[in-house]
PDB file of all heavy atoms in Angstrom:
ATOM      1  N   PRO A   1       0.783  -1.249   0.003  1.00  0.00           N
ATOM      2  CA  PRO A   1      -0.016   0.002  -0.034  1.00  0.00           C
ATOM      3  C   PRO A   1       0.813   1.274  -0.002  1.00  0.00           C
ATOM      4  O   PRO A   1       0.426   2.284  -0.542  1.00  0.00           O
ATOM      5  CB  PRO A   1      -0.836  -0.123   1.270  1.00  0.00           C
ATOM      6  CG  PRO A   1      -1.031  -1.573   1.486  1.00  0.00           C
ATOM      7  CD  PRO A   1       0.335  -2.142   1.014  1.00  0.00           C
ATOM      8  N   ASN A   2       1.973   1.332   0.656  1.00  0.00           N
ATOM      9  CA  ASN A   2       2.786   2.493   0.669  1.00  0.00           C
ATOM     10  C   ASN A   2       3.755   2.611  -0.512  1.00  0.00           C
ATOM     11  O   ASN A   2       4.508   3.509  -0.680  1.00  0.00           O
ATOM     12  CB  ASN A   2       3.535   2.673   1.939  1.00  0.00           C
ATOM     13  CG  ASN A   2       4.620   1.535   2.153  1.00  0.00           C
ATOM     14  OD1 ASN A   2       4.904   0.770   1.198  1.00  0.00           O
ATOM     15  ND2 ASN A   2       5.225   1.540   3.329  1.00  0.00           N
ATOM     16  N   GLY A   3       3.692   1.537  -1.407  1.00  0.00           N
ATOM     17  CA  GLY A   3       4.526   1.553  -2.695  1.00  0.00           C
ATOM     18  C   GLY A   3       5.975   1.248  -2.484  1.00  0.00           C
ATOM     19  O   GLY A   3       6.749   1.366  -3.444  1.00  0.00           O
ATOM     20  N   ARG A   4       6.374   0.814  -1.319  1.00  0.00           N
ATOM     21  CA  ARG A   4       7.853   0.589  -1.003  1.00  0.00           C
ATOM     22  C   ARG A   4       8.309  -0.788  -1.735  1.00  0.00           C
ATOM     23  O   ARG A   4       9.482  -0.966  -2.091  1.00  0.00           O
ATOM     24  CB  ARG A   4       8.114   0.526   0.352  1.00  0.00           C
ATOM     25  CG  ARG A   4       8.337   1.850   1.017  1.00  0.00           C
ATOM     26  CD  ARG A   4       8.656   1.682   2.499  1.00  0.00           C
ATOM     27  NE  ARG A   4       9.878   1.065   2.756  1.00  0.00           N
ATOM     28  CZ  ARG A   4      10.307   0.630   4.006  1.00  0.00           C
ATOM     29  NH1 ARG A   4       9.512   0.918   5.009  1.00  0.00           N
ATOM     30  NH2 ARG A   4      11.451   0.075   4.116  1.00  0.00           N
ATOM     31  N   TYR A   5       7.359  -1.717  -1.793  1.00  0.00           N
ATOM     32  CA  TYR A   5       7.676  -3.067  -2.305  1.00  0.00           C
ATOM     33  C   TYR A   5       6.664  -3.556  -3.317  1.00  0.00           C
ATOM     34  O   TYR A   5       5.570  -3.105  -3.358  1.00  0.00           O
ATOM     35  CB  TYR A   5       7.687  -4.080  -1.148  1.00  0.00           C
ATOM     36  CG  TYR A   5       8.751  -3.818  -0.104  1.00  0.00           C
ATOM     37  CD1 TYR A   5       8.473  -3.157   1.087  1.00  0.00           C
ATOM     38  CD2 TYR A   5      10.004  -4.347  -0.301  1.00  0.00           C
ATOM     39  CE1 TYR A   5       9.457  -2.982   2.029  1.00  0.00           C
ATOM     40  CE2 TYR A   5      11.067  -4.197   0.699  1.00  0.00           C
ATOM     41  CZ  TYR A   5      10.765  -3.552   1.803  1.00  0.00           C
ATOM     42  OH  TYR A   5      11.690  -3.347   2.793  1.00  0.00           O
ATOM     43  N   LEU A   6       7.190  -4.467  -4.170  1.00  0.00           N
ATOM     44  CA  LEU A   6       6.302  -5.159  -5.080  1.00  0.00           C
ATOM     45  C   LEU A   6       6.540  -6.724  -4.809  1.00  0.00           C
ATOM     46  O   LEU A   6       7.655  -7.135  -4.664  1.00  0.00           O
ATOM     47  CB  LEU A   6       6.660  -4.884  -6.511  1.00  0.00           C
ATOM     48  CG  LEU A   6       5.808  -5.542  -7.643  1.00  0.00           C
ATOM     49  CD1 LEU A   6       5.599  -4.610  -8.828  1.00  0.00           C
ATOM     50  CD2 LEU A   6       6.374  -6.887  -8.109  1.00  0.00           C
ATOM     51  N   LEU A   7       5.410  -7.434  -4.710  1.00  0.00           N
ATOM     52  CA  LEU A   7       5.428  -8.877  -4.480  1.00  0.00           C
ATOM     53  C   LEU A   7       4.916  -9.581  -5.746  1.00  0.00           C
ATOM     54  O   LEU A   7       3.838  -9.294  -6.173  1.00  0.00           O
ATOM     55  CB  LEU A   7       4.630  -9.266  -3.315  1.00  0.00           C
ATOM     56  CG  LEU A   7       4.971  -8.553  -1.984  1.00  0.00           C
ATOM     57  CD1 LEU A   7       3.841  -8.831  -0.925  1.00  0.00           C
ATOM     58  CD2 LEU A   7       6.277  -9.073  -1.363  1.00  0.00           C
ATOM     59  N   ALA A   8       5.745 -10.523  -6.242  1.00  0.00           N
ATOM     60  CA  ALA A   8       5.399 -11.223  -7.498  1.00  0.00           C
ATOM     61  C   ALA A   8       5.101 -12.701  -7.133  1.00  0.00           C
ATOM     62  O   ALA A   8       5.890 -13.336  -6.516  1.00  0.00           O
ATOM     63  CB  ALA A   8       6.527 -11.196  -8.474  1.00  0.00           C
ATOM     64  N   ALA A   9       3.918 -13.195  -7.567  1.00  0.00           N
ATOM     65  CA  ALA A   9       3.540 -14.559  -7.368  1.00  0.00           C
ATOM     66  C   ALA A   9       3.924 -15.288  -8.596  1.00  0.00           C
ATOM     67  O   ALA A   9       3.225 -15.224  -9.620  1.00  0.00           O
ATOM     68  CB  ALA A   9       2.103 -14.691  -7.028  1.00  0.00           C
ATOM     69  N   ASN A  10       4.845 -16.227  -8.490  1.00  0.00           N
ATOM     70  CA  ASN A  10       5.299 -17.081  -9.654  1.00  0.00           C
ATOM     71  C   ASN A  10       4.770 -18.506  -9.551  1.00  0.00           C
ATOM     72  O   ASN A  10       5.222 -19.267  -8.669  1.00  0.00           O
ATOM     73  CB  ASN A  10       6.865 -17.134  -9.640  1.00  0.00           C
ATOM     74  CG  ASN A  10       7.460 -15.752  -9.840  1.00  0.00           C
ATOM     75  OD1 ASN A  10       7.024 -14.984 -10.647  1.00  0.00           O
ATOM     76  ND2 ASN A  10       8.548 -15.447  -9.094  1.00  0.00           N
ATOM     77  N   ARG A  11       3.860 -18.788 -10.403  1.00  0.00           N
ATOM     78  CA  ARG A  11       3.139 -20.069 -10.294  1.00  0.00           C
ATOM     79  C   ARG A  11       4.027 -21.228 -10.494  1.00  0.00           C
ATOM     80  O   ARG A  11       3.992 -22.249  -9.746  1.00  0.00           O
ATOM     81  CB  ARG A  11       2.019 -20.103 -11.356  1.00  0.00           C
ATOM     82  CG  ARG A  11       1.129 -21.373 -11.306  1.00  0.00           C
ATOM     83  CD  ARG A  11       0.245 -21.499 -12.494  1.00  0.00           C
ATOM     84  NE  ARG A  11       1.074 -21.886 -13.641  1.00  0.00           N
ATOM     85  CZ  ARG A  11       0.497 -22.041 -14.866  1.00  0.00           C
ATOM     86  NH1 ARG A  11      -0.686 -21.743 -15.147  1.00  0.00           N
ATOM     87  NH2 ARG A  11       1.334 -22.392 -15.837  1.00  0.00           N
ATOM     88  N   ASP A  12       4.797 -21.210 -11.528  1.00  0.00           N
ATOM     89  CA  ASP A  12       5.563 -22.467 -11.995  1.00  0.00           C
ATOM     90  C   ASP A  12       6.940 -22.625 -11.139  1.00  0.00           C
ATOM     91  O   ASP A  12       7.395 -23.788 -11.209  1.00  0.00           O
ATOM     92  CB  ASP A  12       5.900 -22.420 -13.447  1.00  0.00           C
ATOM     93  CG  ASP A  12       4.623 -22.524 -14.295  1.00  0.00           C
ATOM     94  OD1 ASP A  12       3.570 -22.692 -13.721  1.00  0.00           O
ATOM     95  OD2 ASP A  12       4.761 -22.422 -15.496  1.00  0.00           O
ATOM     96  N   SER A  13       7.319 -21.664 -10.404  1.00  0.00           N
ATOM     97  CA  SER A  13       8.534 -21.911  -9.601  1.00  0.00           C
ATOM     98  C   SER A  13       8.108 -21.861  -8.104  1.00  0.00           C
ATOM     99  O   SER A  13       8.983 -21.943  -7.288  1.00  0.00           O
ATOM    100  CB  SER A  13       9.594 -20.711  -9.846  1.00  0.00           C
ATOM    101  OG  SER A  13       8.957 -19.456  -9.691  1.00  0.00           O
ATOM    102  N   ASP A  14       6.851 -21.874  -7.830  1.00  0.00           N
ATOM    103  CA  ASP A  14       6.290 -22.057  -6.476  1.00  0.00           C
ATOM    104  C   ASP A  14       6.990 -21.083  -5.479  1.00  0.00           C
ATOM    105  O   ASP A  14       7.336 -21.414  -4.405  1.00  0.00           O
ATOM    106  CB  ASP A  14       6.651 -23.475  -5.923  1.00  0.00           C
ATOM    107  CG  ASP A  14       5.877 -24.554  -6.826  1.00  0.00           C
ATOM    108  OD1 ASP A  14       4.772 -24.311  -7.284  1.00  0.00           O
ATOM    109  OD2 ASP A  14       6.465 -25.597  -7.030  1.00  0.00           O
ATOM    110  N   ASN A  15       6.973 -19.750  -5.872  1.00  0.00           N
ATOM    111  CA  ASN A  15       7.543 -18.752  -4.950  1.00  0.00           C
ATOM    112  C   ASN A  15       6.914 -17.381  -5.139  1.00  0.00           C
ATOM    113  O   ASN A  15       6.323 -17.036  -6.111  1.00  0.00           O
ATOM    114  CB  ASN A  15       9.043 -18.674  -5.123  1.00  0.00           C
ATOM    115  CG  ASN A  15       9.562 -18.167  -6.429  1.00  0.00           C
ATOM    116  OD1 ASN A  15       8.845 -18.137  -7.408  1.00  0.00           O
ATOM    117  ND2 ASN A  15      10.839 -17.825  -6.516  1.00  0.00           N
ATOM    118  N   ILE A  16       6.968 -16.646  -4.012  1.00  0.00           N
ATOM    119  CA  ILE A  16       6.584 -15.231  -3.992  1.00  0.00           C
ATOM    120  C   ILE A  16       7.847 -14.478  -3.739  1.00  0.00           C
ATOM    121  O   ILE A  16       8.567 -14.742  -2.763  1.00  0.00           O
ATOM    122  CB  ILE A  16       5.457 -14.881  -2.934  1.00  0.00           C
ATOM    123  CG1 ILE A  16       4.260 -15.598  -3.301  1.00  0.00           C
ATOM    124  CG2 ILE A  16       5.375 -13.353  -2.872  1.00  0.00           C
ATOM    125  CD1 ILE A  16       3.162 -15.460  -2.227  1.00  0.00           C
ATOM    126  N   VAL A  17       8.148 -13.554  -4.644  1.00  0.00           N
ATOM    127  CA  VAL A  17       9.429 -12.831  -4.665  1.00  0.00           C
ATOM    128  C   VAL A  17       9.253 -11.394  -4.339  1.00  0.00           C
ATOM    129  O   VAL A  17       8.250 -10.761  -4.783  1.00  0.00           O
ATOM    130  CB  VAL A  17      10.169 -13.008  -6.028  1.00  0.00           C
ATOM    131  CG1 VAL A  17      11.491 -12.218  -6.032  1.00  0.00           C
ATOM    132  CG2 VAL A  17      10.385 -14.420  -6.328  1.00  0.00           C
ATOM    133  N   THR A  18      10.101 -10.840  -3.416  1.00  0.00           N
ATOM    134  CA  THR A  18       9.950  -9.484  -3.001  1.00  0.00           C
ATOM    135  C   THR A  18      10.993  -8.539  -3.741  1.00  0.00           C
ATOM    136  O   THR A  18      12.206  -8.822  -3.692  1.00  0.00           O
ATOM    137  CB  THR A  18      10.227  -9.379  -1.513  1.00  0.00           C
ATOM    138  OG1 THR A  18       9.309 -10.250  -0.792  1.00  0.00           O
ATOM    139  CG2 THR A  18       9.993  -7.970  -0.927  1.00  0.00           C
ATOM    140  N   PHE A  19      10.464  -7.417  -4.312  1.00  0.00           N
ATOM    141  CA  PHE A  19      11.262  -6.332  -4.911  1.00  0.00           C
ATOM    142  C   PHE A  19      11.102  -5.133  -4.154  1.00  0.00           C
ATOM    143  O   PHE A  19       9.955  -4.765  -3.718  1.00  0.00           O
ATOM    144  CB  PHE A  19      10.838  -6.226  -6.385  1.00  0.00           C
ATOM    145  CG  PHE A  19      11.023  -7.426  -7.231  1.00  0.00           C
ATOM    146  CD1 PHE A  19      10.071  -8.423  -7.315  1.00  0.00           C
ATOM    147  CD2 PHE A  19      12.151  -7.596  -7.976  1.00  0.00           C
ATOM    148  CE1 PHE A  19      10.246  -9.560  -8.142  1.00  0.00           C
ATOM    149  CE2 PHE A  19      12.412  -8.676  -8.790  1.00  0.00           C
ATOM    150  CZ  PHE A  19      11.399  -9.677  -8.853  1.00  0.00           C
ATOM    151  N   GLU A  20      12.157  -4.345  -4.123  1.00  0.00           N
ATOM    152  CA  GLU A  20      12.027  -2.962  -3.594  1.00  0.00           C
ATOM    153  C   GLU A  20      11.741  -2.060  -4.697  1.00  0.00           C
ATOM    154  O   GLU A  20      12.261  -2.245  -5.782  1.00  0.00           O
ATOM    155  CB  GLU A  20      13.367  -2.667  -2.912  1.00  0.00           C
ATOM    156  CG  GLU A  20      13.220  -1.608  -1.790  1.00  0.00           C
ATOM    157  CD  GLU A  20      14.369  -1.467  -0.895  1.00  0.00           C
ATOM    158  OE1 GLU A  20      15.307  -2.388  -0.950  1.00  0.00           O
ATOM    159  OE2 GLU A  20      14.511  -0.367  -0.267  1.00  0.00           O
ATOM    160  N   VAL A  21      10.967  -0.988  -4.474  1.00  0.00           N
ATOM    161  CA  VAL A  21      10.593  -0.014  -5.526  1.00  0.00           C
ATOM    162  C   VAL A  21      11.415   1.280  -5.186  1.00  0.00           C
ATOM    163  O   VAL A  21      11.306   1.822  -4.109  1.00  0.00           O
ATOM    164  CB  VAL A  21       9.106   0.340  -5.530  1.00  0.00           C
ATOM    165  CG1 VAL A  21       8.836   1.320  -6.594  1.00  0.00           C
ATOM    166  CG2 VAL A  21       8.258  -0.955  -5.681  1.00  0.00           C
ATOM    167  N   ASP A  22      12.261   1.655  -6.185  1.00  0.00           N
ATOM    168  CA  ASP A  22      12.945   2.983  -6.040  1.00  0.00           C
ATOM    169  C   ASP A  22      11.953   4.080  -6.159  1.00  0.00           C
ATOM    170  O   ASP A  22      11.365   4.242  -7.223  1.00  0.00           O
ATOM    171  CB  ASP A  22      14.041   3.021  -7.109  1.00  0.00           C
ATOM    172  CG  ASP A  22      14.881   4.314  -6.947  1.00  0.00           C
ATOM    173  OD1 ASP A  22      14.358   5.426  -6.716  1.00  0.00           O
ATOM    174  OD2 ASP A  22      16.085   4.234  -7.088  1.00  0.00           O
ATOM    175  N   GLN A  23      11.782   4.805  -5.051  1.00  0.00           N
ATOM    176  CA  GLN A  23      10.708   5.882  -5.073  1.00  0.00           C
ATOM    177  C   GLN A  23      10.981   7.028  -5.986  1.00  0.00           C
ATOM    178  O   GLN A  23      10.146   7.698  -6.402  1.00  0.00           O
ATOM    179  CB  GLN A  23      10.557   6.454  -3.629  1.00  0.00           C
ATOM    180  CG  GLN A  23      10.134   5.363  -2.657  1.00  0.00           C
ATOM    181  CD  GLN A  23       8.818   4.653  -2.967  1.00  0.00           C
ATOM    182  OE1 GLN A  23       7.761   5.307  -3.071  1.00  0.00           O
ATOM    183  NE2 GLN A  23       8.864   3.360  -3.131  1.00  0.00           N
ATOM    184  N   ASN A  24      12.236   7.231  -6.400  1.00  0.00           N
ATOM    185  CA  ASN A  24      12.633   8.299  -7.291  1.00  0.00           C
ATOM    186  C   ASN A  24      12.515   7.883  -8.771  1.00  0.00           C
ATOM    187  O   ASN A  24      12.114   8.795  -9.583  1.00  0.00           O
ATOM    188  CB  ASN A  24      14.039   8.733  -7.048  1.00  0.00           C
ATOM    189  CG  ASN A  24      14.174   9.369  -5.678  1.00  0.00           C
ATOM    190  OD1 ASN A  24      13.354  10.131  -5.223  1.00  0.00           O
ATOM    191  ND2 ASN A  24      15.256   8.916  -5.005  1.00  0.00           N
ATOM    192  N   SER A  25      12.723   6.666  -9.081  1.00  0.00           N
ATOM    193  CA  SER A  25      12.707   6.242 -10.544  1.00  0.00           C
ATOM    194  C   SER A  25      11.549   5.293 -10.887  1.00  0.00           C
ATOM    195  O   SER A  25      11.328   5.080 -12.077  1.00  0.00           O
ATOM    196  CB  SER A  25      13.975   5.576 -10.862  1.00  0.00           C
ATOM    197  OG  SER A  25      14.156   4.334 -10.173  1.00  0.00           O
ATOM    198  N   GLY A  26      11.033   4.640  -9.891  1.00  0.00           N
ATOM    199  CA  GLY A  26      10.000   3.658 -10.143  1.00  0.00           C
ATOM    200  C   GLY A  26      10.517   2.309 -10.423  1.00  0.00           C
ATOM    201  O   GLY A  26       9.759   1.293 -10.537  1.00  0.00           O
ATOM    202  N   LYS A  27      11.764   2.220 -10.587  1.00  0.00           N
ATOM    203  CA  LYS A  27      12.462   0.899 -11.032  1.00  0.00           C
ATOM    204  C   LYS A  27      12.451  -0.029  -9.747  1.00  0.00           C
ATOM    205  O   LYS A  27      12.371   0.359  -8.542  1.00  0.00           O
ATOM    206  CB  LYS A  27      13.865   1.131 -11.470  1.00  0.00           C
ATOM    207  CG  LYS A  27      13.886   1.829 -12.821  1.00  0.00           C
ATOM    208  CD  LYS A  27      15.304   1.996 -13.329  1.00  0.00           C
ATOM    209  CE  LYS A  27      15.330   2.670 -14.677  1.00  0.00           C
ATOM    210  NZ  LYS A  27      16.707   2.817 -15.187  1.00  0.00           N
ATOM    211  N   LEU A  28      12.591  -1.366 -10.158  1.00  0.00           N
ATOM    212  CA  LEU A  28      12.582  -2.388  -9.177  1.00  0.00           C
ATOM    213  C   LEU A  28      13.977  -2.974  -8.877  1.00  0.00           C
ATOM    214  O   LEU A  28      14.776  -3.036  -9.857  1.00  0.00           O
ATOM    215  CB  LEU A  28      11.685  -3.571  -9.702  1.00  0.00           C
ATOM    216  CG  LEU A  28      10.151  -3.159 -10.007  1.00  0.00           C
ATOM    217  CD1 LEU A  28       9.425  -4.326 -10.615  1.00  0.00           C
ATOM    218  CD2 LEU A  28       9.458  -2.663  -8.679  1.00  0.00           C
ATOM    219  N   LEU A  29      14.128  -3.428  -7.656  1.00  0.00           N
ATOM    220  CA  LEU A  29      15.398  -4.120  -7.304  1.00  0.00           C
ATOM    221  C   LEU A  29      15.045  -5.297  -6.470  1.00  0.00           C
ATOM    222  O   LEU A  29      14.287  -5.243  -5.455  1.00  0.00           O
ATOM    223  CB  LEU A  29      16.260  -3.096  -6.435  1.00  0.00           C
ATOM    224  CG  LEU A  29      17.585  -3.701  -5.914  1.00  0.00           C
ATOM    225  CD1 LEU A  29      18.562  -3.830  -6.977  1.00  0.00           C
ATOM    226  CD2 LEU A  29      18.125  -2.673  -4.830  1.00  0.00           C
ATOM    227  N   PHE A  30      15.584  -6.481  -6.938  1.00  0.00           N
ATOM    228  CA  PHE A  30      15.284  -7.762  -6.127  1.00  0.00           C
ATOM    229  C   PHE A  30      15.995  -7.660  -4.872  1.00  0.00           C
ATOM    230  O   PHE A  30      17.183  -7.349  -4.684  1.00  0.00           O
ATOM    231  CB  PHE A  30      15.878  -8.891  -7.010  1.00  0.00           C
ATOM    232  CG  PHE A  30      15.841 -10.240  -6.324  1.00  0.00           C
ATOM    233  CD1 PHE A  30      14.710 -10.711  -5.673  1.00  0.00           C
ATOM    234  CD2 PHE A  30      16.904 -11.151  -6.340  1.00  0.00           C
ATOM    235  CE1 PHE A  30      14.638 -11.924  -4.951  1.00  0.00           C
ATOM    236  CE2 PHE A  30      16.850 -12.396  -5.726  1.00  0.00           C
ATOM    237  CZ  PHE A  30      15.732 -12.745  -5.033  1.00  0.00           C
ATOM    238  N   THR A  31      15.202  -8.009  -3.825  1.00  0.00           N
ATOM    239  CA  THR A  31      15.699  -7.925  -2.404  1.00  0.00           C
ATOM    240  C   THR A  31      16.556  -9.078  -1.960  1.00  0.00           C
ATOM    241  O   THR A  31      17.173  -9.037  -0.929  1.00  0.00           O
ATOM    242  CB  THR A  31      14.514  -7.753  -1.462  1.00  0.00           C
ATOM    243  OG1 THR A  31      13.749  -8.907  -1.512  1.00  0.00           O
ATOM    244  CG2 THR A  31      13.638  -6.509  -1.639  1.00  0.00           C
ATOM    245  N   GLY A  32      16.537 -10.179  -2.750  1.00  0.00           N
ATOM    246  CA  GLY A  32      17.088 -11.393  -2.324  1.00  0.00           C
ATOM    247  C   GLY A  32      16.166 -12.232  -1.489  1.00  0.00           C
ATOM    248  O   GLY A  32      16.480 -13.360  -1.077  1.00  0.00           O
ATOM    249  N   LYS A  33      14.939 -11.720  -1.192  1.00  0.00           N
ATOM    250  CA  LYS A  33      13.947 -12.419  -0.341  1.00  0.00           C
ATOM    251  C   LYS A  33      12.860 -13.061  -1.204  1.00  0.00           C
ATOM    252  O   LYS A  33      12.307 -12.361  -2.092  1.00  0.00           O
ATOM    253  CB  LYS A  33      13.363 -11.432   0.629  1.00  0.00           C
ATOM    254  CG  LYS A  33      14.301 -10.592   1.426  1.00  0.00           C
ATOM    255  CD  LYS A  33      14.833 -11.313   2.709  1.00  0.00           C
ATOM    256  CE  LYS A  33      15.860 -10.661   3.345  1.00  0.00           C
ATOM    257  NZ  LYS A  33      15.469  -9.347   3.819  1.00  0.00           N
ATOM    258  N   SER A  34      12.535 -14.311  -0.859  1.00  0.00           N
ATOM    259  CA  SER A  34      11.376 -14.948  -1.448  1.00  0.00           C
ATOM    260  C   SER A  34      10.875 -16.036  -0.503  1.00  0.00           C
ATOM    261  O   SER A  34      11.673 -16.478   0.438  1.00  0.00           O
ATOM    262  CB  SER A  34      11.713 -15.619  -2.816  1.00  0.00           C
ATOM    263  OG  SER A  34      12.549 -16.669  -2.692  1.00  0.00           O
ATOM    264  N   VAL A  35       9.644 -16.520  -0.648  1.00  0.00           N
ATOM    265  CA  VAL A  35       9.149 -17.540   0.198  1.00  0.00           C
ATOM    266  C   VAL A  35       8.571 -18.631  -0.875  1.00  0.00           C
ATOM    267  O   VAL A  35       8.125 -18.361  -1.917  1.00  0.00           O
ATOM    268  CB  VAL A  35       7.978 -17.155   1.106  1.00  0.00           C
ATOM    269  CG1 VAL A  35       8.539 -16.259   2.187  1.00  0.00           C
ATOM    270  CG2 VAL A  35       6.830 -16.467   0.319  1.00  0.00           C
ATOM    271  N   THR A  36       8.687 -19.915  -0.366  1.00  0.00           N
ATOM    272  CA  THR A  36       8.295 -20.998  -1.207  1.00  0.00           C
ATOM    273  C   THR A  36       6.891 -21.481  -0.768  1.00  0.00           C
ATOM    274  O   THR A  36       6.638 -21.649   0.393  1.00  0.00           O
ATOM    275  CB  THR A  36       9.194 -22.152  -1.068  1.00  0.00           C
ATOM    276  OG1 THR A  36      10.478 -21.721  -1.433  1.00  0.00           O
ATOM    277  CG2 THR A  36       8.777 -23.392  -1.902  1.00  0.00           C
ATOM    278  N   LEU A  37       5.889 -21.623  -1.807  1.00  0.00           N
ATOM    279  CA  LEU A  37       4.671 -22.191  -1.524  1.00  0.00           C
ATOM    280  C   LEU A  37       4.091 -22.726  -2.778  1.00  0.00           C
ATOM    281  O   LEU A  37       4.616 -22.247  -3.950  1.00  0.00           O
ATOM    282  CB  LEU A  37       3.606 -21.181  -0.911  1.00  0.00           C
ATOM    283  CG  LEU A  37       3.098 -20.123  -1.685  1.00  0.00           C
ATOM    284  CD1 LEU A  37       1.801 -19.543  -1.071  1.00  0.00           C
ATOM    285  CD2 LEU A  37       4.055 -18.969  -1.851  1.00  0.00           C
ATOM    286  N   ALA A  38       3.223 -23.645  -2.816  1.00  0.00           N
ATOM    287  CA  ALA A  38       2.721 -24.322  -4.072  1.00  0.00           C
ATOM    288  C   ALA A  38       1.876 -23.466  -4.879  1.00  0.00           C
ATOM    289  O   ALA A  38       0.793 -22.927  -4.436  1.00  0.00           O
ATOM    290  CB  ALA A  38       2.028 -25.567  -3.717  1.00  0.00           C
ATOM    291  N   LYS A  39       2.289 -23.175  -6.159  1.00  0.00           N
ATOM    292  CA  LYS A  39       1.517 -22.604  -7.216  1.00  0.00           C
ATOM    293  C   LYS A  39       0.722 -21.338  -6.755  1.00  0.00           C
ATOM    294  O   LYS A  39      -0.490 -21.167  -6.959  1.00  0.00           O
ATOM    295  CB  LYS A  39       0.446 -23.541  -7.813  1.00  0.00           C
ATOM    296  CG  LYS A  39       1.086 -24.721  -8.449  1.00  0.00           C
ATOM    297  CD  LYS A  39      -0.015 -25.695  -9.071  1.00  0.00           C
ATOM    298  CE  LYS A  39       0.614 -26.793  -9.867  1.00  0.00           C
ATOM    299  NZ  LYS A  39       1.316 -27.781  -9.044  1.00  0.00           N
ATOM    300  N   PRO A  40       1.445 -20.333  -6.271  1.00  0.00           N
ATOM    301  CA  PRO A  40       0.757 -19.042  -5.936  1.00  0.00           C
ATOM    302  C   PRO A  40       0.395 -18.252  -7.146  1.00  0.00           C
ATOM    303  O   PRO A  40       1.141 -18.187  -8.116  1.00  0.00           O
ATOM    304  CB  PRO A  40       1.877 -18.272  -5.194  1.00  0.00           C
ATOM    305  CG  PRO A  40       3.150 -18.776  -5.714  1.00  0.00           C
ATOM    306  CD  PRO A  40       2.913 -20.144  -6.041  1.00  0.00           C
ATOM    307  N   VAL A  41      -0.860 -17.668  -7.169  1.00  0.00           N
ATOM    308  CA  VAL A  41      -1.213 -17.047  -8.402  1.00  0.00           C
ATOM    309  C   VAL A  41      -2.103 -15.701  -8.060  1.00  0.00           C
ATOM    310  O   VAL A  41      -2.594 -15.075  -9.016  1.00  0.00           O
ATOM    311  CB  VAL A  41      -2.150 -17.959  -9.245  1.00  0.00           C
ATOM    312  CG1 VAL A  41      -1.326 -19.055  -9.904  1.00  0.00           C
ATOM    313  CG2 VAL A  41      -3.303 -18.601  -8.573  1.00  0.00           C
ATOM    314  N   CYS A  42      -2.243 -15.402  -6.838  1.00  0.00           N
ATOM    315  CA  CYS A  42      -2.742 -14.094  -6.529  1.00  0.00           C
ATOM    316  C   CYS A  42      -2.168 -13.558  -5.133  1.00  0.00           C
ATOM    317  O   CYS A  42      -1.998 -14.446  -4.279  1.00  0.00           O
ATOM    318  CB  CYS A  42      -4.283 -14.246  -6.338  1.00  0.00           C
ATOM    319  SG  CYS A  42      -5.140 -12.719  -5.935  1.00  0.00           S
ATOM    320  N   VAL A  43      -1.774 -12.351  -5.082  1.00  0.00           N
ATOM    321  CA  VAL A  43      -1.191 -11.832  -3.843  1.00  0.00           C
ATOM    322  C   VAL A  43      -1.763 -10.453  -3.549  1.00  0.00           C
ATOM    323  O   VAL A  43      -1.720  -9.537  -4.428  1.00  0.00           O
ATOM    324  CB  VAL A  43       0.394 -11.749  -3.950  1.00  0.00           C
ATOM    325  CG1 VAL A  43       0.858 -10.977  -5.130  1.00  0.00           C
ATOM    326  CG2 VAL A  43       1.016 -11.286  -2.762  1.00  0.00           C
TER     327      VAL A  43
END
């Protein structure tokens, strides 16, 4: 909600991956953080 992070639900690799959002440029940076769960498709 505050726009600091983007969470991507990857169905075929069974993970949700966290990206940081650069507030000045809008660009994304992989945080190195992810969690494993079966076939996530909505976050």
